[in-house]
Amino acid sequence: MSTDSLELAIASTRGVLAGVLRSQLLDPTPCTRWNVGQLINHIVGGQFFFLGVLAGEVRDNEPSDFSAGDFLSTFDFGSGLCLEAFAHEGLMNEIVTLPTVEMTGSSFVRVVATDTFVHGWDLARATGQSTDLAPDLAVKLLVAAKLALSPLVRSRSGTPFAPERTTGPDASEADHLAAYLGRDV
C-alpha cells in the first residue's frame, strides 16, 4: 500500500479549493452542518488532525478559521506534512489509534484519501465547479468504501454516512462515490 490514492485525492481537492471565491464562503454545502467556509476549515484542518493521529497525539477538533486566511497555502503545508508522515517506512503495517477505533496504517490512508476526496466533491458541488473529479480514483475509493461500509454503520445514530442515494445517467464516477456515501447528487 502506498500514498498514491491520498496524493491524488489531495491534488483533486486542491484544484477545487483553488476555484473557491471569497464571495462563496457563506454558501450552503451538501454537508448540511457546514457552509463553504466551514467545509474549507474541515478540509484544511483535517490534514492536521490526520497528522496528529499518525503522531499519536490526541488533538481536539476545535475549529480554526482557515477560510479567513490563505487556506490554499495552509492546505498545501498540512497535506505535505500528512503525506510525509504516511510515507514513513513501515507505517502501513502499524496499528493507528483513532479516538474511536484502531486500524492499520494502510486502512487509515484509505479513510483519509476518501475523506479528503469526498469533501473536495462537496466543495465542488457547493461552489458550482465540476464534480467530475479524478474518475479512476473515484472508482477505486468506491470499491474500497463498498467493502468497508456496512449497512449497520449507516443505521447507527450519529454516523456521518446517510443511506446510499441514487445517481442519474450523467453522473460522474465521483458522483457515484458521493451518492454511495449518502450525498444527494
Protein backbone atom coordinates (compact mmCIF):
# COMPACT_ATOMS: atom_id res chain seq x y z
CA MET A 1 0.00 0.00 0.00
CA SER A 2 1.31 3.41 -0.91
CA THR A 3 0.21 7.01 -0.61
CA ASP A 4 -0.79 7.21 -4.30
CA SER A 5 -4.54 7.46 -3.61
CA LEU A 6 -4.02 10.10 -0.96
CA GLU A 7 -1.75 12.10 -3.27
CA LEU A 8 -4.43 12.01 -5.98
CA ALA A 9 -7.18 12.95 -3.51
CA ILE A 10 -5.13 15.88 -2.25
CA ALA A 11 -4.41 17.07 -5.80
CA SER A 12 -8.09 16.82 -6.75
CA THR A 13 -9.30 18.68 -3.66
CA ARG A 14 -6.57 21.27 -4.02
CA GLY A 15 -7.84 22.03 -7.52
CA VAL A 16 -11.33 22.59 -6.12
CA LEU A 17 -10.03 24.74 -3.25
CA ALA A 18 -8.21 26.91 -5.80
CA GLY A 19 -11.53 27.59 -7.53
CA VAL A 20 -13.39 28.86 -4.46
CA LEU A 21 -14.29 32.55 -4.42
CA ARG A 22 -14.31 34.50 -1.16
CA SER A 23 -17.88 35.55 -2.00
CA GLN A 24 -18.92 31.86 -1.70
CA LEU A 25 -17.76 31.28 1.90
CA LEU A 26 -21.24 31.58 3.39
CA ASP A 27 -22.94 29.44 0.71
CA PRO A 28 -24.52 26.12 1.75
CA THR A 29 -22.87 22.76 1.01
CA PRO A 30 -24.05 19.16 0.71
CA CYS A 31 -22.73 18.77 4.28
CA THR A 32 -25.76 20.37 5.89
CA ARG A 33 -23.85 21.25 9.08
CA TRP A 34 -21.35 23.42 7.21
CA ASN A 35 -21.28 26.34 4.83
CA VAL A 36 -18.42 26.67 2.31
CA GLY A 37 -16.11 28.42 4.79
CA GLN A 38 -16.75 25.80 7.46
CA LEU A 39 -16.20 22.99 4.95
CA ILE A 40 -12.87 24.57 3.97
CA ASN A 41 -11.98 24.67 7.67
CA HIS A 42 -12.78 20.95 7.92
CA ILE A 43 -10.81 20.05 4.79
CA VAL A 44 -7.73 22.04 5.78
CA GLY A 45 -7.97 21.18 9.48
CA GLY A 46 -8.44 17.53 8.59
CA GLN A 47 -4.90 17.35 7.24
CA PHE A 48 -3.56 18.49 10.62
CA PHE A 49 -5.93 16.17 12.50
CA PHE A 50 -4.75 13.17 10.43
CA LEU A 51 -1.15 14.19 11.04
CA GLY A 52 -1.84 14.32 14.78
CA VAL A 53 -3.36 10.83 14.70
CA LEU A 54 -0.25 9.50 12.99
CA ALA A 55 1.92 11.19 15.61
CA GLY A 56 -0.11 9.56 18.38
CA GLU A 57 -1.41 12.90 19.59
CA VAL A 58 -5.00 13.48 20.55
CA ARG A 59 -5.84 16.86 19.10
CA ASP A 60 -9.15 18.45 19.78
CA ASN A 61 -11.06 19.12 16.67
CA GLU A 62 -11.52 22.72 17.74
CA PRO A 63 -12.41 24.70 14.66
CA SER A 64 -9.86 27.09 13.23
CA ASP A 65 -10.93 29.67 10.69
CA PHE A 66 -8.58 28.66 7.88
CA SER A 67 -11.04 30.15 5.37
CA ALA A 68 -10.27 33.65 6.67
CA GLY A 69 -6.66 33.42 5.51
CA ASP A 70 -4.68 31.78 2.73
CA PHE A 71 -6.41 28.42 3.03
CA LEU A 72 -4.80 27.06 -0.14
CA SER A 73 -1.25 27.57 1.19
CA THR A 74 -2.26 26.17 4.56
CA PHE A 75 -3.79 23.12 2.86
CA ASP A 76 -0.58 22.65 0.86
CA PHE A 77 1.50 22.81 4.03
CA GLY A 78 -0.75 20.46 6.03
CA SER A 79 -1.22 17.95 3.24
CA GLY A 80 2.53 17.92 2.56
CA LEU A 81 3.20 17.07 6.21
CA CYS A 82 0.44 14.46 6.14
CA LEU A 83 1.88 12.76 3.04
CA GLU A 84 5.34 12.82 4.56
CA ALA A 85 4.04 11.13 7.71
CA PHE A 86 2.19 8.44 5.75
CA ALA A 87 5.35 7.74 3.74
CA HIS A 88 7.25 6.77 6.91
CA GLU A 89 8.69 3.29 6.39
CA GLY A 90 6.56 0.57 7.98
CA LEU A 91 3.61 2.82 8.82
CA MET A 92 1.20 0.98 6.54
CA ASN A 93 1.57 -2.15 8.67
CA GLU A 94 1.43 -0.39 12.04
CA ILE A 95 -1.75 -0.01 14.10
CA VAL A 96 -3.04 3.56 14.16
CA THR A 97 -5.23 4.61 17.08
CA LEU A 98 -8.08 6.98 16.35
CA PRO A 99 -10.44 8.36 19.00
CA THR A 100 -12.99 5.55 18.43
CA VAL A 101 -11.20 2.73 16.60
CA GLU A 102 -7.86 1.17 15.75
CA MET A 103 -6.81 0.20 12.22
CA THR A 104 -3.73 -0.42 10.15
CA GLY A 105 -1.93 2.45 8.50
CA SER A 106 -2.96 1.08 5.10
CA SER A 107 -6.63 1.21 6.13
CA PHE A 108 -6.22 4.67 7.61
CA VAL A 109 -4.63 6.08 4.44
CA ARG A 110 -7.73 4.89 2.51
CA VAL A 111 -10.00 6.60 5.04
CA VAL A 112 -8.01 9.83 4.75
CA ALA A 113 -7.98 9.68 0.94
CA THR A 114 -11.75 9.11 0.87
CA ASP A 115 -12.44 11.89 3.36
CA THR A 116 -10.22 14.35 1.51
CA PHE A 117 -11.63 13.43 -1.90
CA VAL A 118 -15.32 13.38 -0.98
CA HIS A 119 -15.14 16.68 0.87
CA GLY A 120 -13.49 18.06 -2.26
CA TRP A 121 -16.56 16.80 -4.14
CA ASP A 122 -18.81 18.52 -1.58
CA LEU A 123 -16.91 21.77 -2.11
CA ALA A 124 -17.04 21.46 -5.90
CA ARG A 125 -20.79 20.88 -5.75
CA ALA A 126 -21.33 23.83 -3.39
CA THR A 127 -19.29 26.26 -5.48
CA GLY A 128 -20.60 25.31 -8.93
CA GLN A 129 -17.41 23.54 -10.05
CA SER A 130 -17.34 20.29 -11.98
CA THR A 131 -17.82 17.18 -9.86
CA ASP A 132 -16.14 15.02 -12.50
CA LEU A 133 -13.09 14.66 -10.29
CA ALA A 134 -10.31 12.05 -10.77
CA PRO A 135 -12.51 9.29 -12.23
CA ASP A 136 -10.02 6.44 -11.72
CA LEU A 137 -9.50 7.42 -8.09
CA ALA A 138 -13.26 7.73 -7.53
CA VAL A 139 -13.79 4.17 -8.81
CA LYS A 140 -11.01 2.83 -6.57
CA LEU A 141 -12.35 4.62 -3.49
CA LEU A 142 -15.90 3.43 -4.23
CA VAL A 143 -14.77 -0.20 -4.38
CA ALA A 144 -12.99 0.22 -1.02
CA ALA A 145 -15.98 2.02 0.53
CA LYS A 146 -18.32 -0.79 -0.52
CA LEU A 147 -16.06 -3.29 1.24
CA ALA A 148 -15.66 -1.19 4.38
CA LEU A 149 -19.06 0.43 4.92
CA SER A 150 -21.75 -1.94 6.11
CA PRO A 151 -25.46 -1.10 6.29
CA LEU A 152 -25.16 -1.38 10.07
CA VAL A 153 -22.82 1.63 10.14
CA ARG A 154 -25.35 3.69 8.19
CA SER A 155 -28.14 2.90 10.65
CA ARG A 156 -26.26 3.99 13.80
CA SER A 157 -27.18 7.32 15.30
CA GLY A 158 -24.54 9.99 14.75
CA THR A 159 -22.86 8.25 11.81
CA PRO A 160 -21.55 10.54 9.06
CA PHE A 161 -22.94 8.19 6.40
CA ALA A 162 -26.54 8.54 5.29
CA PRO A 163 -28.23 5.83 3.25
CA GLU A 164 -26.99 5.41 -0.30
CA ARG A 165 -28.55 7.78 -2.83
CA THR A 166 -29.27 7.16 -6.49
CA THR A 167 -27.47 8.80 -9.38
CA GLY A 168 -28.65 9.83 -12.82
CA PRO A 169 -27.33 8.67 -16.17
CA ASP A 170 -24.93 11.63 -16.49
CA ALA A 171 -23.34 11.12 -13.07
CA SER A 172 -19.56 11.14 -12.87
CA GLU A 173 -17.59 8.44 -11.06
CA ALA A 174 -17.07 10.90 -8.19
CA ASP A 175 -20.86 11.47 -8.12
CA HIS A 176 -21.35 7.70 -7.72
CA LEU A 177 -18.94 7.67 -4.75
CA ALA A 178 -20.64 10.67 -3.17
CA ALA A 179 -24.06 9.06 -3.62
CA TYR A 180 -22.83 5.82 -2.09
CA LEU A 181 -21.66 7.80 0.93
CA GLY A 182 -25.11 9.37 1.27
CA ARG A 183 -24.84 12.63 -0.64
CA ASP A 184 -27.68 13.86 -2.84
CA VAL A 185 -26.32 14.03 -6.37
